[in-house]
PDB file of all heavy atoms in Angstrom:
ATOM      1  N   ARG A   1      -0.947   7.606  -5.950  1.00  0.00           N
ATOM      2  CA  ARG A   1      -1.623   7.811  -7.237  1.00  0.00           C
ATOM      3  C   ARG A   1      -1.524   6.559  -8.110  1.00  0.00           C
ATOM      4  O   ARG A   1      -2.484   6.196  -8.787  1.00  0.00           O
ATOM      5  CB  ARG A   1      -1.018   9.015  -7.966  1.00  0.00           C
ATOM      6  CG  ARG A   1      -1.189  10.341  -7.259  1.00  0.00           C
ATOM      7  CD  ARG A   1      -2.549  10.916  -7.388  1.00  0.00           C
ATOM      8  NE  ARG A   1      -2.739  11.306  -8.777  1.00  0.00           N
ATOM      9  CZ  ARG A   1      -3.912  11.470  -9.344  1.00  0.00           C
ATOM     10  NH1 ARG A   1      -5.001  11.286  -8.659  1.00  0.00           N
ATOM     11  NH2 ARG A   1      -4.012  11.829 -10.591  1.00  0.00           N
ATOM     12  N   GLN A   2      -0.363   5.908  -8.107  1.00  0.00           N
ATOM     13  CA  GLN A   2      -0.217   4.686  -8.902  1.00  0.00           C
ATOM     14  C   GLN A   2      -1.115   3.583  -8.357  1.00  0.00           C
ATOM     15  O   GLN A   2      -1.735   2.843  -9.130  1.00  0.00           O
ATOM     16  CB  GLN A   2       1.242   4.251  -8.944  1.00  0.00           C
ATOM     17  CG  GLN A   2       2.093   5.176  -9.791  1.00  0.00           C
ATOM     18  CD  GLN A   2       3.562   4.807  -9.799  1.00  0.00           C
ATOM     19  OE1 GLN A   2       4.082   4.241  -8.861  1.00  0.00           O
ATOM     20  NE2 GLN A   2       4.233   5.162 -10.881  1.00  0.00           N
ATOM     21  N   CYS A   3      -1.223   3.480  -7.048  1.00  0.00           N
ATOM     22  CA  CYS A   3      -2.123   2.493  -6.443  1.00  0.00           C
ATOM     23  C   CYS A   3      -3.573   2.781  -6.825  1.00  0.00           C
ATOM     24  O   CYS A   3      -4.319   1.872  -7.193  1.00  0.00           O
ATOM     25  CB  CYS A   3      -1.979   2.502  -4.923  1.00  0.00           C
ATOM     26  SG  CYS A   3      -0.439   1.784  -4.313  1.00  0.00           S
ATOM     27  N   ARG A   4      -3.970   4.043  -6.741  1.00  0.00           N
ATOM     28  CA  ARG A   4      -5.343   4.414  -7.081  1.00  0.00           C
ATOM     29  C   ARG A   4      -5.636   4.101  -8.549  1.00  0.00           C
ATOM     30  O   ARG A   4      -6.730   3.652  -8.886  1.00  0.00           O
ATOM     31  CB  ARG A   4      -5.609   5.895  -6.783  1.00  0.00           C
ATOM     32  CG  ARG A   4      -5.613   6.250  -5.304  1.00  0.00           C
ATOM     33  CD  ARG A   4      -6.689   5.578  -4.495  1.00  0.00           C
ATOM     34  NE  ARG A   4      -7.997   6.064  -4.916  1.00  0.00           N
ATOM     35  CZ  ARG A   4      -9.094   5.317  -4.983  1.00  0.00           C
ATOM     36  NH1 ARG A   4      -9.069   4.039  -4.653  1.00  0.00           N
ATOM     37  NH2 ARG A   4     -10.231   5.838  -5.376  1.00  0.00           N
ATOM     38  N   ALA A   5      -4.647   4.321  -9.417  1.00  0.00           N
ATOM     39  CA  ALA A   5      -4.828   4.029 -10.844  1.00  0.00           C
ATOM     40  C   ALA A   5      -5.058   2.529 -11.071  1.00  0.00           C
ATOM     41  O   ALA A   5      -5.678   2.144 -12.064  1.00  0.00           O
ATOM     42  CB  ALA A   5      -3.621   4.518 -11.638  1.00  0.00           C
ATOM     43  N   LEU A   6      -4.589   1.709 -10.158  1.00  0.00           N
ATOM     44  CA  LEU A   6      -4.779   0.263 -10.253  1.00  0.00           C
ATOM     45  C   LEU A   6      -6.066  -0.196  -9.563  1.00  0.00           C
ATOM     46  O   LEU A   6      -6.351  -1.398  -9.503  1.00  0.00           O
ATOM     47  CB  LEU A   6      -3.582  -0.464  -9.636  1.00  0.00           C
ATOM     48  CG  LEU A   6      -2.254  -0.266 -10.360  1.00  0.00           C
ATOM     49  CD1 LEU A   6      -1.107  -0.862  -9.543  1.00  0.00           C
ATOM     50  CD2 LEU A   6      -2.308  -0.882 -11.749  1.00  0.00           C
ATOM     51  N   GLY A   7      -6.828   0.753  -9.029  1.00  0.00           N
ATOM     52  CA  GLY A   7      -8.086   0.412  -8.379  1.00  0.00           C
ATOM     53  C   GLY A   7      -7.931   0.004  -6.928  1.00  0.00           C
ATOM     54  O   GLY A   7      -8.876  -0.526  -6.327  1.00  0.00           O
ATOM     55  N   ILE A   8      -6.789   0.253  -6.355  1.00  0.00           N
ATOM     56  CA  ILE A   8      -6.554  -0.099  -4.956  1.00  0.00           C
ATOM     57  C   ILE A   8      -7.234   0.957  -4.079  1.00  0.00           C
ATOM     58  O   ILE A   8      -7.106   2.152  -4.317  1.00  0.00           O
ATOM     59  CB  ILE A   8      -5.038  -0.200  -4.676  1.00  0.00           C
ATOM     60  CG1 ILE A   8      -4.440  -1.317  -5.547  1.00  0.00           C
ATOM     61  CG2 ILE A   8      -4.754  -0.444  -3.203  1.00  0.00           C
ATOM     62  CD1 ILE A   8      -2.935  -1.408  -5.516  1.00  0.00           C
ATOM     63  N   THR A   9      -7.968   0.503  -3.084  1.00  0.00           N
ATOM     64  CA  THR A   9      -8.734   1.414  -2.235  1.00  0.00           C
ATOM     65  C   THR A   9      -7.821   2.172  -1.269  1.00  0.00           C
ATOM     66  O   THR A   9      -6.679   1.771  -1.024  1.00  0.00           O
ATOM     67  CB  THR A   9      -9.780   0.647  -1.403  1.00  0.00           C
ATOM     68  OG1 THR A   9      -9.102  -0.183  -0.448  1.00  0.00           O
ATOM     69  CG2 THR A   9     -10.697  -0.192  -2.284  1.00  0.00           C
ATOM     70  N   ILE A  10      -8.366   3.232  -0.720  1.00  0.00           N
ATOM     71  CA  ILE A  10      -7.608   4.030   0.250  1.00  0.00           C
ATOM     72  C   ILE A  10      -7.231   3.174   1.456  1.00  0.00           C
ATOM     73  O   ILE A  10      -6.108   3.241   1.948  1.00  0.00           O
ATOM     74  CB  ILE A  10      -8.408   5.289   0.659  1.00  0.00           C
ATOM     75  CG1 ILE A  10      -8.415   6.271  -0.521  1.00  0.00           C
ATOM     76  CG2 ILE A  10      -7.846   5.934   1.914  1.00  0.00           C
ATOM     77  CD1 ILE A  10      -9.232   7.520  -0.320  1.00  0.00           C
ATOM     78  N   LYS A  11      -8.162   2.346   1.908  1.00  0.00           N
ATOM     79  CA  LYS A  11      -7.885   1.458   3.041  1.00  0.00           C
ATOM     80  C   LYS A  11      -6.745   0.486   2.708  1.00  0.00           C
ATOM     81  O   LYS A  11      -5.856   0.252   3.523  1.00  0.00           O
ATOM     82  CB  LYS A  11      -9.159   0.694   3.411  1.00  0.00           C
ATOM     83  CG  LYS A  11      -9.053  -0.142   4.637  1.00  0.00           C
ATOM     84  CD  LYS A  11     -10.394  -0.798   4.956  1.00  0.00           C
ATOM     85  CE  LYS A  11     -10.306  -1.685   6.165  1.00  0.00           C
ATOM     86  NZ  LYS A  11     -11.576  -2.343   6.470  1.00  0.00           N
ATOM     87  N   GLU A  12      -6.770  -0.069   1.502  1.00  0.00           N
ATOM     88  CA  GLU A  12      -5.711  -0.992   1.079  1.00  0.00           C
ATOM     89  C   GLU A  12      -4.377  -0.259   0.925  1.00  0.00           C
ATOM     90  O   GLU A  12      -3.323  -0.804   1.257  1.00  0.00           O
ATOM     91  CB  GLU A  12      -6.098  -1.676  -0.232  1.00  0.00           C
ATOM     92  CG  GLU A  12      -7.256  -2.649  -0.082  1.00  0.00           C
ATOM     93  CD  GLU A  12      -7.831  -3.103  -1.413  1.00  0.00           C
ATOM     94  OE1 GLU A  12      -7.759  -2.352  -2.413  1.00  0.00           O
ATOM     95  OE2 GLU A  12      -8.374  -4.227  -1.457  1.00  0.00           O
ATOM     96  N   ILE A  13      -4.424   0.969   0.430  1.00  0.00           N
ATOM     97  CA  ILE A  13      -3.189   1.753   0.298  1.00  0.00           C
ATOM     98  C   ILE A  13      -2.583   2.005   1.670  1.00  0.00           C
ATOM     99  O   ILE A  13      -1.365   1.920   1.841  1.00  0.00           O
ATOM    100  CB  ILE A  13      -3.441   3.084  -0.445  1.00  0.00           C
ATOM    101  CG1 ILE A  13      -3.837   2.813  -1.895  1.00  0.00           C
ATOM    102  CG2 ILE A  13      -2.202   3.980  -0.397  1.00  0.00           C
ATOM    103  CD1 ILE A  13      -4.348   4.033  -2.645  1.00  0.00           C
ATOM    104  N   ALA A  14      -3.423   2.277   2.652  1.00  0.00           N
ATOM    105  CA  ALA A  14      -2.925   2.482   4.018  1.00  0.00           C
ATOM    106  C   ALA A  14      -2.183   1.233   4.501  1.00  0.00           C
ATOM    107  O   ALA A  14      -1.107   1.337   5.104  1.00  0.00           O
ATOM    108  CB  ALA A  14      -4.079   2.827   4.954  1.00  0.00           C
ATOM    109  N   LEU A  15      -2.728   0.054   4.185  1.00  0.00           N
ATOM    110  CA  LEU A  15      -2.052  -1.201   4.557  1.00  0.00           C
ATOM    111  C   LEU A  15      -0.718  -1.334   3.829  1.00  0.00           C
ATOM    112  O   LEU A  15       0.300  -1.715   4.430  1.00  0.00           O
ATOM    113  CB  LEU A  15      -2.933  -2.402   4.224  1.00  0.00           C
ATOM    114  CG  LEU A  15      -4.179  -2.594   5.071  1.00  0.00           C
ATOM    115  CD1 LEU A  15      -5.077  -3.668   4.472  1.00  0.00           C
ATOM    116  CD2 LEU A  15      -3.790  -2.961   6.496  1.00  0.00           C
ATOM    117  N   LEU A  16      -0.712  -1.020   2.542  1.00  0.00           N
ATOM    118  CA  LEU A  16       0.528  -1.100   1.762  1.00  0.00           C
ATOM    119  C   LEU A  16       1.581  -0.135   2.290  1.00  0.00           C
ATOM    120  O   LEU A  16       2.766  -0.483   2.378  1.00  0.00           O
ATOM    121  CB  LEU A  16       0.250  -0.811   0.280  1.00  0.00           C
ATOM    122  CG  LEU A  16      -0.550  -1.866  -0.478  1.00  0.00           C
ATOM    123  CD1 LEU A  16      -0.842  -1.386  -1.896  1.00  0.00           C
ATOM    124  CD2 LEU A  16       0.198  -3.195  -0.503  1.00  0.00           C
ATOM    125  N   LEU A  17       1.151   1.059   2.648  1.00  0.00           N
ATOM    126  CA  LEU A  17       2.107   2.041   3.169  1.00  0.00           C
ATOM    127  C   LEU A  17       2.701   1.576   4.497  1.00  0.00           C
ATOM    128  O   LEU A  17       3.897   1.767   4.742  1.00  0.00           O
ATOM    129  CB  LEU A  17       1.437   3.407   3.324  1.00  0.00           C
ATOM    130  CG  LEU A  17       1.150   4.135   2.016  1.00  0.00           C
ATOM    131  CD1 LEU A  17       0.248   5.339   2.249  1.00  0.00           C
ATOM    132  CD2 LEU A  17       2.448   4.558   1.335  1.00  0.00           C
ATOM    133  N   ARG A  18       1.878   0.951   5.339  1.00  0.00           N
ATOM    134  CA  ARG A  18       2.409   0.415   6.601  1.00  0.00           C
ATOM    135  C   ARG A  18       3.412  -0.706   6.316  1.00  0.00           C
ATOM    136  O   ARG A  18       4.462  -0.785   6.945  1.00  0.00           O
ATOM    137  CB  ARG A  18       1.275  -0.082   7.489  1.00  0.00           C
ATOM    138  CG  ARG A  18       0.582   1.034   8.250  1.00  0.00           C
ATOM    139  CD  ARG A  18      -0.284   0.523   9.389  1.00  0.00           C
ATOM    140  NE  ARG A  18      -1.387  -0.321   8.967  1.00  0.00           N
ATOM    141  CZ  ARG A  18      -2.558   0.125   8.532  1.00  0.00           C
ATOM    142  NH1 ARG A  18      -2.793   1.410   8.459  1.00  0.00           N
ATOM    143  NH2 ARG A  18      -3.514  -0.717   8.191  1.00  0.00           N
ATOM    144  N   GLN A  19       3.083  -1.570   5.343  1.00  0.00           N
ATOM    145  CA  GLN A  19       4.004  -2.653   5.003  1.00  0.00           C
ATOM    146  C   GLN A  19       5.286  -2.110   4.390  1.00  0.00           C
ATOM    147  O   GLN A  19       6.359  -2.670   4.603  1.00  0.00           O
ATOM    148  CB  GLN A  19       3.342  -3.643   4.045  1.00  0.00           C
ATOM    149  CG  GLN A  19       2.311  -4.509   4.734  1.00  0.00           C
ATOM    150  CD  GLN A  19       1.761  -5.575   3.815  1.00  0.00           C
ATOM    151  OE1 GLN A  19       1.315  -5.272   2.714  1.00  0.00           O
ATOM    152  NE2 GLN A  19       1.788  -6.812   4.278  1.00  0.00           N
ATOM    153  N   ARG A  20       5.173  -1.035   3.653  1.00  0.00           N
ATOM    154  CA  ARG A  20       6.331  -0.419   2.999  1.00  0.00           C
ATOM    155  C   ARG A  20       7.340   0.081   4.031  1.00  0.00           C
ATOM    156  O   ARG A  20       8.535   0.163   3.750  1.00  0.00           O
ATOM    157  CB  ARG A  20       5.820   0.734   2.135  1.00  0.00           C
ATOM    158  CG  ARG A  20       6.776   1.277   1.149  1.00  0.00           C
ATOM    159  CD  ARG A  20       6.032   2.259   0.259  1.00  0.00           C
ATOM    160  NE  ARG A  20       6.952   3.057  -0.510  1.00  0.00           N
ATOM    161  CZ  ARG A  20       6.817   4.337  -0.733  1.00  0.00           C
ATOM    162  NH1 ARG A  20       5.773   4.987  -0.271  1.00  0.00           N
ATOM    163  NH2 ARG A  20       7.693   4.987  -1.449  1.00  0.00           N
ATOM    164  N   GLU A  21       6.848   0.393   5.226  1.00  0.00           N
ATOM    165  CA  GLU A  21       7.720   0.892   6.291  1.00  0.00           C
ATOM    166  C   GLU A  21       8.512  -0.219   6.961  1.00  0.00           C
ATOM    167  O   GLU A  21       9.395   0.058   7.769  1.00  0.00           O
ATOM    168  CB  GLU A  21       6.887   1.665   7.322  1.00  0.00           C
ATOM    169  CG  GLU A  21       6.319   2.955   6.756  1.00  0.00           C
ATOM    170  CD  GLU A  21       5.319   3.623   7.686  1.00  0.00           C
ATOM    171  OE1 GLU A  21       5.092   3.100   8.803  1.00  0.00           O
ATOM    172  OE2 GLU A  21       4.765   4.658   7.293  1.00  0.00           O
ATOM    173  N   THR A  22       8.202  -1.470   6.641  1.00  0.00           N
ATOM    174  CA  THR A  22       8.938  -2.615   7.196  1.00  0.00           C
ATOM    175  C   THR A  22       9.476  -3.450   6.025  1.00  0.00           C
ATOM    176  O   THR A  22       8.964  -4.539   5.746  1.00  0.00           O
ATOM    177  CB  THR A  22       8.030  -3.461   8.105  1.00  0.00           C
ATOM    178  OG1 THR A  22       6.872  -3.854   7.376  1.00  0.00           O
ATOM    179  CG2 THR A  22       7.613  -2.692   9.354  1.00  0.00           C
ATOM    180  N   PRO A  23      10.497  -2.936   5.351  1.00  0.00           N
ATOM    181  CA  PRO A  23      10.973  -3.549   4.104  1.00  0.00           C
ATOM    182  C   PRO A  23      11.500  -4.975   4.237  1.00  0.00           C
ATOM    183  O   PRO A  23      11.567  -5.694   3.235  1.00  0.00           O
ATOM    184  CB  PRO A  23      12.066  -2.602   3.632  1.00  0.00           C
ATOM    185  CG  PRO A  23      12.460  -1.810   4.821  1.00  0.00           C
ATOM    186  CD  PRO A  23      11.274  -1.776   5.735  1.00  0.00           C
ATOM    187  N   LYS A  24      11.830  -5.425   5.422  1.00  0.00           N
ATOM    188  CA  LYS A  24      12.362  -6.786   5.575  1.00  0.00           C
ATOM    189  C   LYS A  24      11.273  -7.809   5.868  1.00  0.00           C
ATOM    190  O   LYS A  24      11.542  -8.999   5.908  1.00  0.00           O
ATOM    191  CB  LYS A  24      13.425  -6.798   6.656  1.00  0.00           C
ATOM    192  CG  LYS A  24      14.627  -5.952   6.270  1.00  0.00           C
ATOM    193  CD  LYS A  24      15.824  -6.250   7.101  1.00  0.00           C
ATOM    194  CE  LYS A  24      16.910  -5.271   6.740  1.00  0.00           C
ATOM    195  NZ  LYS A  24      18.057  -5.841   6.182  1.00  0.00           N
ATOM    196  N   ASP A  25      10.051  -7.354   6.046  1.00  0.00           N
ATOM    197  CA  ASP A  25       8.937  -8.272   6.303  1.00  0.00           C
ATOM    198  C   ASP A  25       8.553  -9.013   5.033  1.00  0.00           C
ATOM    199  O   ASP A  25       8.848  -8.576   3.918  1.00  0.00           O
ATOM    200  CB  ASP A  25       7.718  -7.516   6.834  1.00  0.00           C
ATOM    201  CG  ASP A  25       7.864  -7.135   8.295  1.00  0.00           C
ATOM    202  OD1 ASP A  25       8.895  -7.464   8.905  1.00  0.00           O
ATOM    203  OD2 ASP A  25       6.936  -6.495   8.825  1.00  0.00           O
ATOM    204  N   ASN A  26       7.835 -10.112   5.200  1.00  0.00           N
ATOM    205  CA  ASN A  26       7.345 -10.907   4.086  1.00  0.00           C
ATOM    206  C   ASN A  26       6.308 -10.102   3.295  1.00  0.00           C
ATOM    207  O   ASN A  26       5.496  -9.395   3.883  1.00  0.00           O
ATOM    208  CB  ASN A  26       6.718 -12.195   4.635  1.00  0.00           C
ATOM    209  CG  ASN A  26       6.310 -13.152   3.560  1.00  0.00           C
ATOM    210  OD1 ASN A  26       5.446 -12.850   2.758  1.00  0.00           O
ATOM    211  ND2 ASN A  26       6.931 -14.315   3.551  1.00  0.00           N
TER     212      ASN A  26
END
């Protein structure tokens, strides 16, 4: 919901969620 409020698309949120699962990545 916070991502959507910032105008981030569903596709971009999916990318962010995948990145969130690898917290030590760049």
